[in-house]
Amino acid sequence: MDRVFIVAEAGANHNRNFDQALALIDSALRAGVDAVKFQTYSSETLYSKNTPDFAGYNNISKLIKDIELPREWQKDLKLYCDDHGIEFMSTPFDEKAVEELYDLGVQRFKIAGFESTDPRFVKCVAATKLPLIITAGIGSNVEMVHSIVGWVREVNSTADITILHGNNAYPTPFEDASLGQIDKLHRALPDIKVGLSDHTPGILIPPLAVAKGATTIEKHFTLSRRLPGPDHPFAIEPPELTQMVGNIRIAEKACKEKKTNFTTSEENMRKAMRAVVAAVPLKRGEILTQENLTTKRPCLEGSIPAIEYYNILGSRAATALETDAILSWGDINE
């Protein structure tokens, strides 16, 4: 398994406070993530002025205006990330944001789940030719994901694409995490990398997704869930982010394929395997049978392992052996 790419989603949890944005980057650095991601949107281009109240939000345009990232921060945030060795990302939500972030020199783009079902916008981002991380759109099935990939390849046939499975409820109940979808996407799109955008409470689900083959994990984080704002309550706090990264790295190691018969840790335990042992005293030349041979631990270097038991029946003892003697290959004549 390749190293999992971990994105700490700061989103709007800067609360339009530049020092708080820097503190989020510092927290992501300490946790050991690969990238810290903000979001670049404007209320005027994200929602129509005719948007009714929904999902418990009144005056959604004002809410967005109150939490949108000041665009003049982007250059300084990226420079701060560059200086501290962490990748800066920001999800664009309009064409101007795509242009601004591209000009800043971002390494990749993320397309959010509510935007990925918009072919016009997907093609706009794909036209940058940068690697793309795309959350499968809300309600997406495999057919929808095929469509998203198709829109990207219309403008960039060799695009580097990662599709993130995700549930677009904040927070997502555990029973709706649907990690089996990762398997389904791997089967349906074998040439596409698959990851997880996780909105479940806590940090259990991301390592499970890695065990399913997720190559990218995205998780919202905050300095404190007690801070005001819509995205803080379902985000994880700095100690949880650090623990999540550690658990993901453990999952990476645990999910690697076995390359040798005995792992390094097993080598010292090989002696606990069984070997062929004399069940009774054996005379030189005596035929080896099920009556005079048994198997017991340990299996020492040069011993006849228990797996050879039936293969050596009918051979003769090359020397006299006591009861419980551990047979070696030199003790028998074929």
C-alpha atoms as a PDB file:
ATOM      1  CA  MET A   1       0.000   0.000   0.000  1.00  0.00           C
ATOM      2  CA  ASP A   2       1.286   3.465  -0.917  1.00  0.00           C
ATOM      3  CA  ARG A   3       1.417   6.152   1.727  1.00  0.00           C
ATOM      4  CA  VAL A   4      -2.071   7.515   2.395  1.00  0.00           C
ATOM      5  CA  PHE A   5      -2.462  11.221   1.613  1.00  0.00           C
ATOM      6  CA  ILE A   6      -4.087  12.893   4.640  1.00  0.00           C
ATOM      7  CA  VAL A   7      -5.867  16.212   4.218  1.00  0.00           C
ATOM      8  CA  ALA A   8      -6.782  18.211   7.325  1.00  0.00           C
ATOM      9  CA  GLU A   9      -9.850  20.203   6.297  1.00  0.00           C
ATOM     10  CA  ALA A  10      -9.770  23.591   8.011  1.00  0.00           C
ATOM     11  CA  GLY A  11     -12.657  24.817   5.879  1.00  0.00           C
ATOM     12  CA  ALA A  12     -14.270  27.856   7.435  1.00  0.00           C
ATOM     13  CA  ASN A  13     -12.972  27.136  10.928  1.00  0.00           C
ATOM     14  CA  HIS A  14     -10.649  30.149  10.739  1.00  0.00           C
ATOM     15  CA  ASN A  15     -13.665  32.310  11.721  1.00  0.00           C
ATOM     16  CA  ARG A  16     -12.181  35.080   9.539  1.00  0.00           C
ATOM     17  CA  ASN A  17      -9.333  35.481  12.013  1.00  0.00           C
ATOM     18  CA  PHE A  18      -5.943  35.281  10.308  1.00  0.00           C
ATOM     19  CA  ASP A  19      -4.090  34.228  13.450  1.00  0.00           C
ATOM     20  CA  GLN A  20      -6.651  31.464  13.930  1.00  0.00           C
ATOM     21  CA  ALA A  21      -6.001  30.306  10.363  1.00  0.00           C
ATOM     22  CA  LEU A  22      -2.278  30.141  11.110  1.00  0.00           C
ATOM     23  CA  ALA A  23      -3.012  28.242  14.330  1.00  0.00           C
ATOM     24  CA  LEU A  24      -4.969  25.701  12.292  1.00  0.00           C
ATOM     25  CA  ILE A  25      -1.968  25.218  10.011  1.00  0.00           C
ATOM     26  CA  ASP A  26       0.309  24.798  13.028  1.00  0.00           C
ATOM     27  CA  SER A  27      -2.055  22.213  14.484  1.00  0.00           C
ATOM     28  CA  ALA A  28      -2.124  20.293  11.197  1.00  0.00           C
ATOM     29  CA  LEU A  29       1.683  20.385  11.116  1.00  0.00           C
ATOM     30  CA  ARG A  30       1.970  18.954  14.612  1.00  0.00           C
ATOM     31  CA  ALA A  31      -0.494  16.192  13.726  1.00  0.00           C
ATOM     32  CA  GLY A  32       1.661  15.103  10.778  1.00  0.00           C
ATOM     33  CA  VAL A  33      -0.876  15.465   7.970  1.00  0.00           C
ATOM     34  CA  ASP A  34       0.207  15.937   4.360  1.00  0.00           C
ATOM     35  CA  ALA A  35      -1.949  18.949   3.504  1.00  0.00           C
ATOM     36  CA  VAL A  36      -4.124  21.529   5.185  1.00  0.00           C
ATOM     37  CA  LYS A  37      -7.113  22.717   3.176  1.00  0.00           C
ATOM     38  CA  PHE A  38      -9.265  25.825   3.295  1.00  0.00           C
ATOM     39  CA  GLN A  39     -12.216  26.775   1.070  1.00  0.00           C
ATOM     40  CA  THR A  40     -12.412  29.675  -1.360  1.00  0.00           C
ATOM     41  CA  TYR A  41     -15.940  30.905  -2.042  1.00  0.00           C
ATOM     42  CA  SER A  42     -18.059  34.039  -2.105  1.00  0.00           C
ATOM     43  CA  SER A  43     -21.678  34.240  -1.093  1.00  0.00           C
ATOM     44  CA  GLU A  44     -22.528  36.044  -4.353  1.00  0.00           C
ATOM     45  CA  THR A  45     -21.226  33.197  -6.541  1.00  0.00           C
ATOM     46  CA  LEU A  46     -22.136  30.260  -4.297  1.00  0.00           C
ATOM     47  CA  TYR A  47     -25.862  30.847  -3.686  1.00  0.00           C
ATOM     48  CA  SER A  48     -28.529  32.651  -5.683  1.00  0.00           C
ATOM     49  CA  LYS A  49     -29.968  35.705  -3.975  1.00  0.00           C
ATOM     50  CA  ASN A  50     -33.333  33.944  -4.334  1.00  0.00           C
ATOM     51  CA  THR A  51     -32.300  31.008  -2.130  1.00  0.00           C
ATOM     52  CA  PRO A  52     -35.015  30.160   0.439  1.00  0.00           C
ATOM     53  CA  ASP A  53     -34.190  29.164   3.997  1.00  0.00           C
ATOM     54  CA  PHE A  54     -33.369  25.443   4.231  1.00  0.00           C
ATOM     55  CA  ALA A  55     -31.641  22.828   6.383  1.00  0.00           C
ATOM     56  CA  GLY A  56     -32.206  24.974   9.448  1.00  0.00           C
ATOM     57  CA  TYR A  57     -30.326  27.959   8.026  1.00  0.00           C
ATOM     58  CA  ASN A  58     -31.894  31.397   7.766  1.00  0.00           C
ATOM     59  CA  ASN A  59     -30.446  33.855   5.271  1.00  0.00           C
ATOM     60  CA  ILE A  60     -27.878  31.451   3.872  1.00  0.00           C
ATOM     61  CA  SER A  61     -26.138  34.193   1.888  1.00  0.00           C
ATOM     62  CA  LYS A  62     -25.388  36.141   5.062  1.00  0.00           C
ATOM     63  CA  LEU A  63     -24.096  32.981   6.740  1.00  0.00           C
ATOM     64  CA  ILE A  64     -21.687  32.366   3.861  1.00  0.00           C
ATOM     65  CA  LYS A  65     -20.583  36.009   3.834  1.00  0.00           C
ATOM     66  CA  ASP A  66     -19.801  35.774   7.548  1.00  0.00           C
ATOM     67  CA  ILE A  67     -17.523  32.729   7.167  1.00  0.00           C
ATOM     68  CA  GLU A  68     -15.961  33.094   3.717  1.00  0.00           C
ATOM     69  CA  LEU A  69     -12.167  33.153   3.515  1.00  0.00           C
ATOM     70  CA  PRO A  70     -10.796  36.645   2.791  1.00  0.00           C
ATOM     71  CA  ARG A  71      -9.137  36.072  -0.545  1.00  0.00           C
ATOM     72  CA  GLU A  72      -6.220  38.365   0.227  1.00  0.00           C
ATOM     73  CA  TRP A  73      -5.149  35.759   2.824  1.00  0.00           C
ATOM     74  CA  GLN A  74      -4.537  33.027   0.289  1.00  0.00           C
ATOM     75  CA  LYS A  75      -1.045  34.069  -0.763  1.00  0.00           C
ATOM     76  CA  ASP A  76       0.146  34.492   2.825  1.00  0.00           C
ATOM     77  CA  LEU A  77      -1.406  31.199   3.935  1.00  0.00           C
ATOM     78  CA  LYS A  78       0.295  29.356   1.088  1.00  0.00           C
ATOM     79  CA  LEU A  79       3.645  31.013   1.829  1.00  0.00           C
ATOM     80  CA  TYR A  80       3.296  30.039   5.490  1.00  0.00           C
ATOM     81  CA  CYS A  81       2.592  26.434   4.488  1.00  0.00           C
ATOM     82  CA  ASP A  82       5.492  26.424   2.026  1.00  0.00           C
ATOM     83  CA  ASP A  83       7.852  27.745   4.699  1.00  0.00           C
ATOM     84  CA  HIS A  84       6.756  25.062   7.165  1.00  0.00           C
ATOM     85  CA  GLY A  85       6.746  22.053   4.845  1.00  0.00           C
ATOM     86  CA  ILE A  86       3.040  21.322   4.549  1.00  0.00           C
ATOM     87  CA  GLU A  87       0.952  21.457   1.368  1.00  0.00           C
ATOM     88  CA  PHE A  88      -1.542  24.305   1.098  1.00  0.00           C
ATOM     89  CA  MET A  89      -4.873  23.494  -0.506  1.00  0.00           C
ATOM     90  CA  SER A  90      -8.153  25.318  -0.875  1.00  0.00           C
ATOM     91  CA  THR A  91     -11.330  24.073  -2.509  1.00  0.00           C
ATOM     92  CA  PRO A  92     -12.512  26.538  -5.174  1.00  0.00           C
ATOM     93  CA  PHE A  93     -16.201  27.237  -5.620  1.00  0.00           C
ATOM     94  CA  ASP A  94     -16.126  29.644  -8.550  1.00  0.00           C
ATOM     95  CA  GLU A  95     -14.079  30.288 -11.646  1.00  0.00           C
ATOM     96  CA  LYS A  96     -12.197  33.211 -10.094  1.00  0.00           C
ATOM     97  CA  ALA A  97     -11.139  31.003  -7.192  1.00  0.00           C
ATOM     98  CA  VAL A  98      -9.819  28.390  -9.635  1.00  0.00           C
ATOM     99  CA  GLU A  99      -7.768  31.048 -11.404  1.00  0.00           C
ATOM    100  CA  GLU A 100      -6.465  32.578  -8.171  1.00  0.00           C
ATOM    101  CA  LEU A 101      -5.386  29.275  -6.687  1.00  0.00           C
ATOM    102  CA  TYR A 102      -3.792  28.114  -9.927  1.00  0.00           C
ATOM    103  CA  ASP A 103      -1.790  31.353 -10.107  1.00  0.00           C
ATOM    104  CA  LEU A 104      -0.668  30.794  -6.517  1.00  0.00           C
ATOM    105  CA  GLY A 105       0.870  27.493  -7.597  1.00  0.00           C
ATOM    106  CA  VAL A 106      -1.261  24.938  -5.753  1.00  0.00           C
ATOM    107  CA  GLN A 107      -0.256  21.346  -6.459  1.00  0.00           C
ATOM    108  CA  ARG A 108      -3.762  19.951  -6.877  1.00  0.00           C
ATOM    109  CA  PHE A 109      -7.439  20.880  -6.757  1.00  0.00           C
ATOM    110  CA  LYS A 110     -10.276  19.521  -4.678  1.00  0.00           C
ATOM    111  CA  ILE A 111     -13.848  19.557  -5.987  1.00  0.00           C
ATOM    112  CA  ALA A 112     -16.497  19.378  -3.268  1.00  0.00           C
ATOM    113  CA  GLY A 113     -19.360  16.903  -3.211  1.00  0.00           C
ATOM    114  CA  PHE A 114     -22.057  19.489  -3.850  1.00  0.00           C
ATOM    115  CA  GLU A 115     -20.128  20.818  -6.871  1.00  0.00           C
ATOM    116  CA  SER A 116     -18.996  17.545  -8.464  1.00  0.00           C
ATOM    117  CA  THR A 117     -22.395  16.926 -10.087  1.00  0.00           C
ATOM    118  CA  ASP A 118     -22.016  20.191 -12.048  1.00  0.00           C
ATOM    119  CA  PRO A 119     -20.310  19.292 -15.356  1.00  0.00           C
ATOM    120  CA  ARG A 120     -19.690  22.947 -16.190  1.00  0.00           C
ATOM    121  CA  PHE A 121     -17.706  23.530 -13.011  1.00  0.00           C
ATOM    122  CA  VAL A 122     -15.936  20.143 -13.074  1.00  0.00           C
ATOM    123  CA  LYS A 123     -14.639  20.865 -16.566  1.00  0.00           C
ATOM    124  CA  CYS A 124     -13.517  24.334 -15.466  1.00  0.00           C
ATOM    125  CA  VAL A 125     -11.339  22.857 -12.700  1.00  0.00           C
ATOM    126  CA  ALA A 126     -10.138  19.939 -14.846  1.00  0.00           C
ATOM    127  CA  ALA A 127      -8.929  22.367 -17.507  1.00  0.00           C
ATOM    128  CA  THR A 128      -6.088  23.397 -15.167  1.00  0.00           C
ATOM    129  CA  LYS A 129      -4.532  19.942 -15.869  1.00  0.00           C
ATOM    130  CA  LEU A 130      -3.609  19.623 -12.188  1.00  0.00           C
ATOM    131  CA  PRO A 131      -4.290  16.443 -10.168  1.00  0.00           C
ATOM    132  CA  LEU A 132      -7.858  16.339  -8.893  1.00  0.00           C
ATOM    133  CA  ILE A 133      -9.423  15.064  -5.682  1.00  0.00           C
ATOM    134  CA  ILE A 134     -13.173  14.862  -6.195  1.00  0.00           C
ATOM    135  CA  THR A 135     -15.773  13.988  -3.600  1.00  0.00           C
ATOM    136  CA  ALA A 136     -18.481  11.890  -5.241  1.00  0.00           C
ATOM    137  CA  GLY A 137     -21.572  14.069  -5.431  1.00  0.00           C
ATOM    138  CA  ILE A 138     -24.347  13.863  -2.889  1.00  0.00           C
ATOM    139  CA  GLY A 139     -26.481  10.825  -3.660  1.00  0.00           C
ATOM    140  CA  SER A 140     -23.907   9.561  -6.164  1.00  0.00           C
ATOM    141  CA  ASN A 141     -23.854   5.982  -7.397  1.00  0.00           C
ATOM    142  CA  VAL A 142     -21.220   4.335  -9.580  1.00  0.00           C
ATOM    143  CA  GLU A 143     -22.905   5.610 -12.739  1.00  0.00           C
ATOM    144  CA  MET A 144     -22.669   9.197 -11.476  1.00  0.00           C
ATOM    145  CA  VAL A 145     -19.003   8.751 -10.649  1.00  0.00           C
ATOM    146  CA  HIS A 146     -18.406   7.420 -14.170  1.00  0.00           C
ATOM    147  CA  SER A 147     -20.008  10.623 -15.456  1.00  0.00           C
ATOM    148  CA  ILE A 148     -17.782  12.808 -13.262  1.00  0.00           C
ATOM    149  CA  VAL A 149     -14.661  11.005 -14.483  1.00  0.00           C
ATOM    150  CA  GLY A 150     -15.920  11.352 -18.050  1.00  0.00           C
ATOM    151  CA  TRP A 151     -16.341  15.136 -17.726  1.00  0.00           C
ATOM    152  CA  VAL A 152     -12.789  15.435 -16.423  1.00  0.00           C
ATOM    153  CA  ARG A 153     -11.352  13.353 -19.247  1.00  0.00           C
ATOM    154  CA  GLU A 154     -13.165  15.386 -21.868  1.00  0.00           C
ATOM    155  CA  VAL A 155     -10.754  18.216 -21.086  1.00  0.00           C
ATOM    156  CA  ASN A 156      -7.808  16.217 -19.689  1.00  0.00           C
ATOM    157  CA  SER A 157      -7.608  12.672 -20.995  1.00  0.00           C
ATOM    158  CA  THR A 158      -4.657  11.760 -18.766  1.00  0.00           C
ATOM    159  CA  ALA A 159      -5.958  13.380 -15.596  1.00  0.00           C
ATOM    160  CA  ASP A 160      -4.699  12.203 -12.206  1.00  0.00           C
ATOM    161  CA  ILE A 161      -8.013  11.597 -10.424  1.00  0.00           C
ATOM    162  CA  THR A 162      -8.852  10.538  -6.891  1.00  0.00           C
ATOM    163  CA  ILE A 163     -12.525   9.970  -6.101  1.00  0.00           C
ATOM    164  CA  LEU A 164     -13.492  10.374  -2.457  1.00  0.00           C
ATOM    165  CA  HIS A 165     -16.443   8.378  -1.220  1.00  0.00           C
ATOM    166  CA  GLY A 166     -18.356  10.439   1.288  1.00  0.00           C
ATOM    167  CA  ASN A 167     -21.700  11.079   2.897  1.00  0.00           C
ATOM    168  CA  ASN A 168     -22.694  14.720   2.687  1.00  0.00           C
ATOM    169  CA  ALA A 169     -24.436  14.957   6.056  1.00  0.00           C
ATOM    170  CA  TYR A 170     -22.702  16.901   8.807  1.00  0.00           C
ATOM    171  CA  PRO A 171     -22.185  14.878  10.927  1.00  0.00           C
ATOM    172  CA  THR A 172     -22.704  11.518   9.208  1.00  0.00           C
ATOM    173  CA  PRO A 173     -24.201   8.714  11.345  1.00  0.00           C
ATOM    174  CA  PHE A 174     -21.941   5.660  11.490  1.00  0.00           C
ATOM    175  CA  GLU A 175     -24.606   3.519   9.830  1.00  0.00           C
ATOM    176  CA  ASP A 176     -24.466   5.834   6.803  1.00  0.00           C
ATOM    177  CA  ALA A 177     -20.677   5.706   6.391  1.00  0.00           C
ATOM    178  CA  SER A 178     -21.166   2.950   3.760  1.00  0.00           C
ATOM    179  CA  LEU A 179     -17.500   2.009   3.484  1.00  0.00           C
ATOM    180  CA  GLY A 180     -18.468  -0.869   1.198  1.00  0.00           C
ATOM    181  CA  GLN A 181     -18.800   1.800  -1.487  1.00  0.00           C
ATOM    182  CA  ILE A 182     -14.992   2.009  -1.551  1.00  0.00           C
ATOM    183  CA  ASP A 183     -14.860  -1.627  -2.686  1.00  0.00           C
ATOM    184  CA  LYS A 184     -17.529  -0.940  -5.293  1.00  0.00           C
ATOM    185  CA  LEU A 185     -15.630   2.056  -6.688  1.00  0.00           C
ATOM    186  CA  HIS A 186     -12.388   0.066  -6.839  1.00  0.00           C
ATOM    187  CA  ARG A 187     -14.139  -2.627  -8.884  1.00  0.00           C
ATOM    188  CA  ALA A 188     -15.948  -0.199 -11.171  1.00  0.00           C
ATOM    189  CA  LEU A 189     -12.999   2.161 -11.730  1.00  0.00           C
ATOM    190  CA  PRO A 190      -9.819   0.102 -11.359  1.00  0.00           C
ATOM    191  CA  ASP A 191      -7.652   2.864 -12.868  1.00  0.00           C
ATOM    192  CA  ILE A 192      -8.933   5.539 -10.445  1.00  0.00           C
ATOM    193  CA  LYS A 193      -7.633   6.121  -6.916  1.00  0.00           C
ATOM    194  CA  VAL A 194     -10.315   6.006  -4.229  1.00  0.00           C
ATOM    195  CA  GLY A 195     -10.396   7.707  -0.852  1.00  0.00           C
ATOM    196  CA  LEU A 196     -12.755   8.964   1.836  1.00  0.00           C
ATOM    197  CA  SER A 197     -14.134  12.336   2.818  1.00  0.00           C
ATOM    198  CA  ASP A 198     -15.235  11.566   6.355  1.00  0.00           C
ATOM    199  CA  HIS A 199     -17.866  13.455   8.326  1.00  0.00           C
ATOM    200  CA  THR A 200     -18.609  10.848  10.996  1.00  0.00           C
ATOM    201  CA  PRO A 201     -17.982  11.701  14.664  1.00  0.00           C
ATOM    202  CA  GLY A 202     -14.540  10.915  16.046  1.00  0.00           C
ATOM    203  CA  ILE A 203     -11.670   9.122  14.343  1.00  0.00           C
ATOM    204  CA  LEU A 204     -12.722   5.476  14.006  1.00  0.00           C
ATOM    205  CA  ILE A 205     -13.838   5.469  10.371  1.00  0.00           C
ATOM    206  CA  PRO A 206     -10.719   6.801   8.519  1.00  0.00           C
ATOM    207  CA  PRO A 207      -8.407   3.888   9.471  1.00  0.00           C
ATOM    208  CA  LEU A 208     -11.194   1.466   8.519  1.00  0.00           C
ATOM    209  CA  ALA A 209     -11.370   3.169   5.133  1.00  0.00           C
ATOM    210  CA  VAL A 210      -7.606   2.725   4.733  1.00  0.00           C
ATOM    211  CA  ALA A 211      -8.093  -0.986   5.393  1.00  0.00           C
ATOM    212  CA  LYS A 212     -10.602  -0.892   2.522  1.00  0.00           C
ATOM    213  CA  GLY A 213      -7.964   0.580   0.229  1.00  0.00           C
ATOM    214  CA  ALA A 214      -8.561   4.324   0.610  1.00  0.00           C
ATOM    215  CA  THR A 215      -5.508   6.244  -0.635  1.00  0.00           C
ATOM    216  CA  THR A 216      -6.647   9.702   0.498  1.00  0.00           C
ATOM    217  CA  ILE A 217      -8.394  10.697   3.728  1.00  0.00           C
ATOM    218  CA  GLU A 218     -10.017  14.089   4.259  1.00  0.00           C
ATOM    219  CA  LYS A 219     -11.283  15.109   7.696  1.00  0.00           C
ATOM    220  CA  HIS A 220     -12.588  18.399   9.093  1.00  0.00           C
ATOM    221  CA  PHE A 221     -10.734  19.713  12.116  1.00  0.00           C
ATOM    222  CA  THR A 222     -10.986  22.687  14.438  1.00  0.00           C
ATOM    223  CA  LEU A 223      -9.086  24.222  17.303  1.00  0.00           C
ATOM    224  CA  SER A 224     -12.176  23.725  19.484  1.00  0.00           C
ATOM    225  CA  ARG A 225     -15.685  22.417  18.904  1.00  0.00           C
ATOM    226  CA  ARG A 226     -16.889  25.164  21.259  1.00  0.00           C
ATOM    227  CA  LEU A 227     -15.998  27.916  18.794  1.00  0.00           C
ATOM    228  CA  PRO A 228     -18.900  29.666  17.009  1.00  0.00           C
ATOM    229  CA  GLY A 229     -19.599  28.687  13.421  1.00  0.00           C
ATOM    230  CA  PRO A 230     -21.391  25.971  11.444  1.00  0.00           C
ATOM    231  CA  ASP A 231     -18.430  23.636  10.859  1.00  0.00           C
ATOM    232  CA  HIS A 232     -16.900  23.438  14.334  1.00  0.00           C
ATOM    233  CA  PRO A 233     -19.381  21.071  16.057  1.00  0.00           C
ATOM    234  CA  PHE A 234     -18.728  18.051  13.788  1.00  0.00           C
ATOM    235  CA  ALA A 235     -14.964  18.602  13.376  1.00  0.00           C
ATOM    236  CA  ILE A 236     -12.257  16.824  15.361  1.00  0.00           C
ATOM    237  CA  GLU A 237      -9.931  18.703  17.704  1.00  0.00           C
ATOM    238  CA  PRO A 238      -6.083  18.766  17.538  1.00  0.00           C
ATOM    239  CA  PRO A 239      -5.394  15.775  19.845  1.00  0.00           C
ATOM    240  CA  GLU A 240      -7.888  13.698  17.844  1.00  0.00           C
ATOM    241  CA  LEU A 241      -6.281  14.765  14.563  1.00  0.00           C
ATOM    242  CA  THR A 242      -2.884  13.629  15.831  1.00  0.00           C
ATOM    243  CA  GLN A 243      -4.322  10.310  16.984  1.00  0.00           C
ATOM    244  CA  MET A 244      -6.158   9.825  13.689  1.00  0.00           C
ATOM    245  CA  VAL A 245      -2.951  10.328  11.702  1.00  0.00           C
ATOM    246  CA  GLY A 246      -1.189   7.808  13.931  1.00  0.00           C
ATOM    247  CA  ASN A 247      -3.976   5.269  13.475  1.00  0.00           C
ATOM    248  CA  ILE A 248      -3.932   5.725   9.705  1.00  0.00           C
ATOM    249  CA  ARG A 249      -0.183   5.131   9.592  1.00  0.00           C
ATOM    250  CA  ILE A 250      -0.676   1.970  11.666  1.00  0.00           C
ATOM    251  CA  ALA A 251      -3.420   0.857   9.275  1.00  0.00           C
ATOM    252  CA  GLU A 252      -1.043   1.392   6.341  1.00  0.00           C
ATOM    253  CA  LYS A 253       1.529  -0.903   7.895  1.00  0.00           C
ATOM    254  CA  ALA A 254      -1.032  -3.487   8.964  1.00  0.00           C
ATOM    255  CA  CYS A 255      -2.560  -3.716   5.483  1.00  0.00           C
ATOM    256  CA  LYS A 256       0.653  -4.431   3.587  1.00  0.00           C
ATOM    257  CA  GLU A 257       0.887  -7.774   1.820  1.00  0.00           C
ATOM    258  CA  LYS A 258       3.131 -10.423   3.325  1.00  0.00           C
ATOM    259  CA  LYS A 259       6.373 -10.646   1.322  1.00  0.00           C
ATOM    260  CA  THR A 260       8.059 -13.629   3.026  1.00  0.00           C
ATOM    261  CA  ASN A 261       6.857 -16.848   4.643  1.00  0.00           C
ATOM    262  CA  PHE A 262       8.000 -15.594   8.021  1.00  0.00           C
ATOM    263  CA  THR A 263       7.773 -11.974   9.037  1.00  0.00           C
ATOM    264  CA  THR A 264      10.639 -10.462  11.013  1.00  0.00           C
ATOM    265  CA  SER A 265       8.601 -10.681  14.207  1.00  0.00           C
ATOM    266  CA  GLU A 266       7.795 -14.359  13.550  1.00  0.00           C
ATOM    267  CA  GLU A 267      11.396 -15.448  13.108  1.00  0.00           C
ATOM    268  CA  ASN A 268      11.964 -15.753  16.855  1.00  0.00           C
ATOM    269  CA  MET A 269       8.818 -17.868  17.169  1.00  0.00           C
ATOM    270  CA  ARG A 270       9.638 -20.449  14.501  1.00  0.00           C
ATOM    271  CA  LYS A 271      10.861 -22.809  17.208  1.00  0.00           C
ATOM    272  CA  ALA A 272       7.314 -23.012  18.563  1.00  0.00           C
ATOM    273  CA  MET A 273       6.286 -25.018  15.492  1.00  0.00           C
ATOM    274  CA  ARG A 274       6.094 -28.799  15.771  1.00  0.00           C
ATOM    275  CA  ALA A 275       8.735 -31.288  14.611  1.00  0.00           C
ATOM    276  CA  VAL A 276       8.849 -35.061  14.209  1.00  0.00           C
ATOM    277  CA  VAL A 277       9.722 -36.737  17.544  1.00  0.00           C
ATOM    278  CA  ALA A 278      10.411 -40.327  18.576  1.00  0.00           C
ATOM    279  CA  ALA A 279       7.348 -41.643  20.440  1.00  0.00           C
ATOM    280  CA  VAL A 280       9.329 -44.598  21.814  1.00  0.00           C
ATOM    281  CA  PRO A 281      13.011 -45.636  21.791  1.00  0.00           C
ATOM    282  CA  LEU A 282      14.104 -46.364  18.220  1.00  0.00           C
ATOM    283  CA  LYS A 283      16.736 -48.846  17.139  1.00  0.00           C
ATOM    284  CA  ARG A 284      19.077 -48.176  14.258  1.00  0.00           C
ATOM    285  CA  GLY A 285      17.469 -49.469  11.052  1.00  0.00           C
ATOM    286  CA  GLU A 286      13.983 -49.599  12.541  1.00  0.00           C
ATOM    287  CA  ILE A 287      11.180 -48.675  10.118  1.00  0.00           C
ATOM    288  CA  LEU A 288       9.495 -45.404  11.037  1.00  0.00           C
ATOM    289  CA  THR A 289       5.748 -45.803  11.595  1.00  0.00           C
ATOM    290  CA  GLN A 290       2.829 -43.958  13.112  1.00  0.00           C
ATOM    291  CA  GLU A 291       3.320 -46.133  16.195  1.00  0.00           C
ATOM    292  CA  ASN A 292       6.892 -45.042  16.900  1.00  0.00           C
ATOM    293  CA  LEU A 293       6.768 -41.416  15.696  1.00  0.00           C
ATOM    294  CA  THR A 294       4.763 -38.428  16.911  1.00  0.00           C
ATOM    295  CA  THR A 295       4.990 -34.640  16.614  1.00  0.00           C
ATOM    296  CA  LYS A 296       5.817 -32.120  19.326  1.00  0.00           C
ATOM    297  CA  ARG A 297       7.275 -28.691  19.784  1.00  0.00           C
ATOM    298  CA  PRO A 298       9.906 -27.297  19.201  1.00  0.00           C
ATOM    299  CA  CYS A 299      11.086 -27.304  15.610  1.00  0.00           C
ATOM    300  CA  LEU A 300      14.781 -26.514  15.829  1.00  0.00           C
ATOM    301  CA  GLU A 301      17.053 -25.610  12.942  1.00  0.00           C
ATOM    302  CA  GLY A 302      17.726 -28.840  11.043  1.00  0.00           C
ATOM    303  CA  SER A 303      14.770 -30.642  12.619  1.00  0.00           C
ATOM    304  CA  ILE A 304      12.275 -32.504  10.474  1.00  0.00           C
ATOM    305  CA  PRO A 305       9.176 -30.232  10.567  1.00  0.00           C
ATOM    306  CA  ALA A 306       5.818 -31.798  11.384  1.00  0.00           C
ATOM    307  CA  ILE A 307       4.571 -31.105   7.858  1.00  0.00           C
ATOM    308  CA  GLU A 308       6.963 -33.862   6.668  1.00  0.00           C
ATOM    309  CA  TYR A 309       5.525 -36.469   9.084  1.00  0.00           C
ATOM    310  CA  TYR A 310       3.669 -38.596   6.526  1.00  0.00           C
ATOM    311  CA  ASN A 311       6.440 -38.209   3.949  1.00  0.00           C
ATOM    312  CA  ILE A 312       9.042 -39.931   6.130  1.00  0.00           C
ATOM    313  CA  LEU A 313       6.917 -42.896   7.233  1.00  0.00           C
ATOM    314  CA  GLY A 314       8.490 -46.080   5.878  1.00  0.00           C
ATOM    315  CA  SER A 315      12.011 -44.689   6.129  1.00  0.00           C
ATOM    316  CA  ARG A 316      14.484 -46.259   8.511  1.00  0.00           C
ATOM    317  CA  ALA A 317      16.227 -44.786  11.539  1.00  0.00           C
ATOM    318  CA  ALA A 318      19.856 -44.047  10.686  1.00  0.00           C
ATOM    319  CA  THR A 319      20.786 -44.188  14.348  1.00  0.00           C
ATOM    320  CA  ALA A 320      19.345 -45.276  17.687  1.00  0.00           C
ATOM    321  CA  LEU A 321      17.117 -42.600  19.226  1.00  0.00           C
ATOM    322  CA  GLU A 322      15.657 -42.108  22.676  1.00  0.00           C
ATOM    323  CA  THR A 323      12.026 -41.350  23.449  1.00  0.00           C
ATOM    324  CA  ASP A 324      11.271 -37.657  22.718  1.00  0.00           C
ATOM    325  CA  ALA A 325      14.333 -37.285  20.506  1.00  0.00           C
ATOM    326  CA  ILE A 326      13.728 -34.554  17.945  1.00  0.00           C
ATOM    327  CA  LEU A 327      14.538 -36.074  14.570  1.00  0.00           C
ATOM    328  CA  SER A 328      16.825 -34.350  12.108  1.00  0.00           C
ATOM    329  CA  TRP A 329      17.265 -35.289   8.459  1.00  0.00           C
ATOM    330  CA  GLY A 330      20.511 -37.025   9.369  1.00  0.00           C
ATOM    331  CA  ASP A 331      18.598 -39.399  11.670  1.00  0.00           C
ATOM    332  CA  ILE A 332      16.783 -41.155   8.835  1.00  0.00           C
ATOM    333  CA  ASN A 333      17.652 -43.166   5.752  1.00  0.00           C
ATOM    334  CA  GLU A 334      15.281 -42.602   2.855  1.00  0.00           C
END
